[in-house]
Amino acid sequence: MTDESDDGVRTWLVERTYSDDEQNLVILTYATPDGRRYFRKERALTSFSDARETEVSVLADPKNLGPVDDPEQVEWFSTEASRMAAKHDPGDVL
């Protein structure tokens, strides 16, 4: 089974962090289920009460996917992406 379609490559949320450099910037990292490619999305929070939902899965343009070279990171991304895929439907939000 492939996670690629004409609409993009299916990626799953594996990490959500706050930027050390920029205040109010959330960094969302999505990865393919095999953990070998990732997509990063940055989102600015406009206020402390900004409570937007986060998509558990996004379709990413293959040109916007980066390679994951570290074998430990590949394994970790694969584990997290697979866990999210098993627990959620692609349209779910957190």
N, C-alpha and C. Protein backbone atom coordinates (compact mmCIF):
# COMPACT_ATOMS: atom_id res chain seq x y z
N MET A 1 0.84 -1.18 0.00
CA MET A 1 0.00 0.00 0.00
C MET A 1 0.89 1.25 0.00
N THR A 2 0.56 2.21 -0.80
CA THR A 2 1.32 3.45 -0.86
C THR A 2 0.52 4.59 -0.25
N ASP A 3 1.24 5.55 0.30
CA ASP A 3 0.58 6.71 0.88
C ASP A 3 0.67 7.90 -0.05
N GLU A 4 1.01 7.65 -1.33
CA GLU A 4 1.09 8.72 -2.32
C GLU A 4 -0.13 8.66 -3.22
N SER A 5 -0.61 9.84 -3.59
CA SER A 5 -1.72 9.95 -4.53
C SER A 5 -1.47 11.19 -5.38
N ASP A 6 -2.40 11.46 -6.28
CA ASP A 6 -2.28 12.67 -7.09
C ASP A 6 -2.37 13.93 -6.23
N ASP A 7 -2.96 13.79 -5.05
CA ASP A 7 -3.12 14.94 -4.15
C ASP A 7 -1.90 15.19 -3.27
N GLY A 8 -0.99 14.23 -3.20
CA GLY A 8 0.20 14.39 -2.37
C GLY A 8 0.55 13.11 -1.64
N VAL A 9 1.45 13.26 -0.68
CA VAL A 9 1.94 12.14 0.12
C VAL A 9 1.33 12.25 1.52
N ARG A 10 0.71 11.18 1.99
CA ARG A 10 0.09 11.18 3.31
C ARG A 10 1.19 11.19 4.38
N THR A 11 1.13 12.18 5.26
CA THR A 11 2.05 12.27 6.39
C THR A 11 1.25 12.39 7.67
N TRP A 12 1.87 12.00 8.77
CA TRP A 12 1.20 11.97 10.07
C TRP A 12 2.00 12.77 11.08
N LEU A 13 1.30 13.45 11.98
CA LEU A 13 1.93 14.27 13.00
C LEU A 13 2.80 13.40 13.91
N VAL A 14 4.07 13.77 14.02
CA VAL A 14 4.99 13.02 14.89
C VAL A 14 5.59 13.89 15.98
N GLU A 15 5.49 15.22 15.82
CA GLU A 15 6.09 16.10 16.81
C GLU A 15 5.47 17.48 16.74
N ARG A 16 5.26 18.07 17.90
CA ARG A 16 4.76 19.44 17.99
C ARG A 16 5.61 20.15 19.04
N THR A 17 6.36 21.16 18.60
CA THR A 17 7.27 21.86 19.50
C THR A 17 7.10 23.37 19.35
N TYR A 18 7.63 24.07 20.32
CA TYR A 18 7.64 25.53 20.28
C TYR A 18 9.05 25.97 19.91
N SER A 19 9.14 26.96 19.06
CA SER A 19 10.43 27.46 18.60
C SER A 19 11.17 28.15 19.73
N ASP A 20 12.48 27.91 19.82
CA ASP A 20 13.33 28.59 20.78
C ASP A 20 13.66 30.00 20.30
N ASP A 21 13.68 30.18 18.99
CA ASP A 21 14.09 31.45 18.40
C ASP A 21 12.97 32.47 18.32
N GLU A 22 11.78 32.01 18.07
CA GLU A 22 10.64 32.91 17.86
C GLU A 22 9.57 32.63 18.91
N GLN A 23 9.13 33.65 19.59
CA GLN A 23 8.02 33.46 20.51
C GLN A 23 6.74 33.21 19.72
N ASN A 24 5.89 32.41 20.29
CA ASN A 24 4.58 32.14 19.71
C ASN A 24 4.63 31.43 18.36
N LEU A 25 5.66 30.65 18.12
CA LEU A 25 5.75 29.88 16.89
C LEU A 25 5.73 28.39 17.24
N VAL A 26 4.75 27.69 16.69
CA VAL A 26 4.62 26.25 16.90
C VAL A 26 5.15 25.56 15.65
N ILE A 27 5.99 24.56 15.84
CA ILE A 27 6.53 23.79 14.73
C ILE A 27 5.89 22.41 14.74
N LEU A 28 5.19 22.09 13.66
CA LEU A 28 4.55 20.79 13.52
C LEU A 28 5.37 19.97 12.54
N THR A 29 5.75 18.77 12.96
CA THR A 29 6.50 17.87 12.09
C THR A 29 5.64 16.67 11.78
N TYR A 30 5.47 16.42 10.49
CA TYR A 30 4.72 15.28 9.98
C TYR A 30 5.69 14.36 9.27
N ALA A 31 5.46 13.05 9.32
CA ALA A 31 6.35 12.10 8.66
C ALA A 31 5.54 11.03 7.94
N THR A 32 6.19 10.43 6.95
CA THR A 32 5.57 9.30 6.25
C THR A 32 5.61 8.09 7.18
N PRO A 33 4.72 7.13 6.99
CA PRO A 33 4.69 5.96 7.88
C PRO A 33 5.99 5.16 7.92
N ASP A 34 6.79 5.23 6.87
CA ASP A 34 8.07 4.52 6.91
C ASP A 34 9.16 5.33 7.62
N GLY A 35 8.84 6.58 7.97
CA GLY A 35 9.76 7.43 8.71
C GLY A 35 10.90 8.01 7.90
N ARG A 36 10.91 7.78 6.60
CA ARG A 36 12.05 8.20 5.77
C ARG A 36 11.93 9.62 5.21
N ARG A 37 10.73 10.20 5.27
CA ARG A 37 10.54 11.57 4.77
C ARG A 37 9.69 12.35 5.77
N TYR A 38 9.94 13.66 5.83
CA TYR A 38 9.18 14.49 6.76
C TYR A 38 8.74 15.79 6.10
N PHE A 39 7.73 16.40 6.70
CA PHE A 39 7.18 17.68 6.27
C PHE A 39 7.06 18.54 7.51
N ARG A 40 7.54 19.76 7.42
CA ARG A 40 7.51 20.67 8.57
C ARG A 40 6.60 21.84 8.27
N LYS A 41 5.77 22.16 9.24
CA LYS A 41 4.81 23.24 9.11
C LYS A 41 4.98 24.15 10.33
N GLU A 42 5.10 25.44 10.09
CA GLU A 42 5.21 26.40 11.19
C GLU A 42 3.93 27.20 11.29
N ARG A 43 3.53 27.44 12.53
CA ARG A 43 2.28 28.18 12.74
C ARG A 43 2.48 29.20 13.85
N ALA A 44 2.17 30.43 13.56
CA ALA A 44 2.27 31.49 14.57
C ALA A 44 1.00 31.53 15.39
N LEU A 45 1.16 31.65 16.69
CA LEU A 45 0.02 31.83 17.57
C LEU A 45 -0.19 33.32 17.75
N THR A 46 -1.40 33.76 17.55
CA THR A 46 -1.66 35.20 17.61
C THR A 46 -1.90 35.70 19.02
N SER A 47 -2.23 34.80 19.95
CA SER A 47 -2.42 35.19 21.35
C SER A 47 -2.33 33.93 22.20
N PHE A 48 -2.27 34.13 23.51
CA PHE A 48 -2.20 32.98 24.41
C PHE A 48 -3.50 32.18 24.40
N SER A 49 -4.58 32.81 24.00
CA SER A 49 -5.86 32.10 23.96
C SER A 49 -6.14 31.52 22.57
N ASP A 50 -5.17 31.57 21.67
CA ASP A 50 -5.31 31.03 20.32
C ASP A 50 -5.33 29.50 20.40
N ALA A 51 -6.51 28.92 20.27
CA ALA A 51 -6.67 27.48 20.44
C ALA A 51 -7.14 26.85 19.13
N ARG A 52 -6.25 26.83 18.14
CA ARG A 52 -6.60 26.21 16.86
C ARG A 52 -6.36 24.71 16.91
N GLU A 53 -7.16 24.00 16.16
CA GLU A 53 -7.00 22.56 16.08
C GLU A 53 -5.79 22.22 15.20
N THR A 54 -5.19 21.08 15.49
CA THR A 54 -4.04 20.61 14.72
C THR A 54 -4.44 19.34 13.99
N GLU A 55 -4.21 19.32 12.68
CA GLU A 55 -4.54 18.14 11.88
C GLU A 55 -3.58 17.00 12.24
N VAL A 56 -4.11 15.79 12.38
CA VAL A 56 -3.24 14.65 12.68
C VAL A 56 -2.53 14.14 11.43
N SER A 57 -3.07 14.51 10.27
CA SER A 57 -2.48 14.04 9.02
C SER A 57 -2.66 15.11 7.96
N VAL A 58 -1.66 15.26 7.10
CA VAL A 58 -1.76 16.18 5.97
C VAL A 58 -1.21 15.50 4.73
N LEU A 59 -1.74 15.92 3.58
CA LEU A 59 -1.19 15.50 2.30
C LEU A 59 -0.14 16.54 1.91
N ALA A 60 1.10 16.12 1.78
CA ALA A 60 2.19 17.02 1.46
C ALA A 60 2.64 16.82 0.02
N ASP A 61 2.98 17.92 -0.62
CA ASP A 61 3.56 17.87 -1.95
C ASP A 61 4.91 17.15 -1.83
N PRO A 62 5.17 16.15 -2.66
CA PRO A 62 6.44 15.42 -2.57
C PRO A 62 7.67 16.33 -2.63
N LYS A 63 7.56 17.47 -3.32
CA LYS A 63 8.68 18.41 -3.40
C LYS A 63 8.96 19.09 -2.06
N ASN A 64 7.99 19.07 -1.16
CA ASN A 64 8.15 19.71 0.15
C ASN A 64 8.58 18.74 1.24
N LEU A 65 8.83 17.49 0.89
CA LEU A 65 9.26 16.49 1.86
C LEU A 65 10.78 16.44 1.92
N GLY A 66 11.30 16.41 3.13
CA GLY A 66 12.74 16.29 3.31
C GLY A 66 13.11 14.87 3.69
N PRO A 67 14.33 14.44 3.37
CA PRO A 67 14.76 13.11 3.75
C PRO A 67 15.17 13.07 5.23
N VAL A 68 14.97 11.94 5.85
CA VAL A 68 15.43 11.71 7.22
C VAL A 68 16.62 10.77 7.10
N ASP A 69 17.79 11.25 7.46
CA ASP A 69 19.01 10.48 7.27
C ASP A 69 19.45 9.67 8.48
N ASP A 70 19.09 10.14 9.67
CA ASP A 70 19.50 9.46 10.90
C ASP A 70 18.63 8.22 11.13
N PRO A 71 19.23 7.02 11.18
CA PRO A 71 18.44 5.78 11.36
C PRO A 71 17.57 5.78 12.61
N GLU A 72 18.06 6.37 13.70
CA GLU A 72 17.26 6.41 14.93
C GLU A 72 16.04 7.31 14.74
N GLN A 73 16.22 8.43 14.04
CA GLN A 73 15.10 9.33 13.77
C GLN A 73 14.10 8.67 12.82
N VAL A 74 14.59 7.93 11.82
CA VAL A 74 13.70 7.20 10.91
C VAL A 74 12.82 6.24 11.71
N GLU A 75 13.44 5.51 12.62
CA GLU A 75 12.69 4.55 13.44
C GLU A 75 11.67 5.26 14.32
N TRP A 76 12.08 6.36 14.95
CA TRP A 76 11.18 7.11 15.83
C TRP A 76 10.02 7.70 15.03
N PHE A 77 10.31 8.34 13.89
CA PHE A 77 9.25 8.90 13.05
C PHE A 77 8.30 7.80 12.57
N SER A 78 8.85 6.66 12.17
CA SER A 78 8.03 5.55 11.70
C SER A 78 7.09 5.06 12.81
N THR A 79 7.63 4.92 14.01
CA THR A 79 6.83 4.46 15.14
C THR A 79 5.70 5.44 15.44
N GLU A 80 6.03 6.72 15.51
CA GLU A 80 5.02 7.73 15.83
C GLU A 80 3.98 7.88 14.71
N ALA A 81 4.43 7.91 13.47
CA ALA A 81 3.49 8.05 12.35
C ALA A 81 2.55 6.84 12.28
N SER A 82 3.09 5.66 12.48
CA SER A 82 2.26 4.44 12.46
C SER A 82 1.26 4.43 13.61
N ARG A 83 1.70 4.91 14.78
CA ARG A 83 0.81 4.98 15.95
C ARG A 83 -0.35 5.94 15.68
N MET A 84 -0.04 7.11 15.11
CA MET A 84 -1.08 8.08 14.80
C MET A 84 -2.04 7.54 13.74
N ALA A 85 -1.50 6.86 12.72
CA ALA A 85 -2.33 6.30 11.66
C ALA A 85 -3.27 5.22 12.19
N ALA A 86 -2.80 4.45 13.16
CA ALA A 86 -3.62 3.39 13.75
C ALA A 86 -4.71 3.96 14.66
N LYS A 87 -4.41 5.08 15.28
CA LYS A 87 -5.32 5.66 16.27
C LYS A 87 -6.33 6.65 15.68
N HIS A 88 -5.98 7.27 14.55
CA HIS A 88 -6.80 8.35 13.99
C HIS A 88 -7.12 8.13 12.52
N ASP A 89 -8.22 8.74 12.10
CA ASP A 89 -8.53 8.85 10.68
C ASP A 89 -7.78 10.07 10.14
N PRO A 90 -7.47 10.09 8.84
CA PRO A 90 -6.71 11.21 8.28
C PRO A 90 -7.34 12.58 8.54
N GLY A 91 -8.65 12.68 8.65
CA GLY A 91 -9.30 13.97 8.85
C GLY A 91 -9.43 14.41 10.29
N ASP A 92 -8.95 13.60 11.22
CA ASP A 92 -9.06 13.95 12.65
C ASP A 92 -8.20 15.15 13.00
N VAL A 93 -8.58 15.83 14.07
CA VAL A 93 -7.80 16.96 14.59
C VAL A 93 -7.56 16.75 16.08
N LEU A 94 -6.53 17.43 16.58
CA LEU A 94 -6.22 17.39 18.01
C LEU A 94 -6.58 18.71 18.64
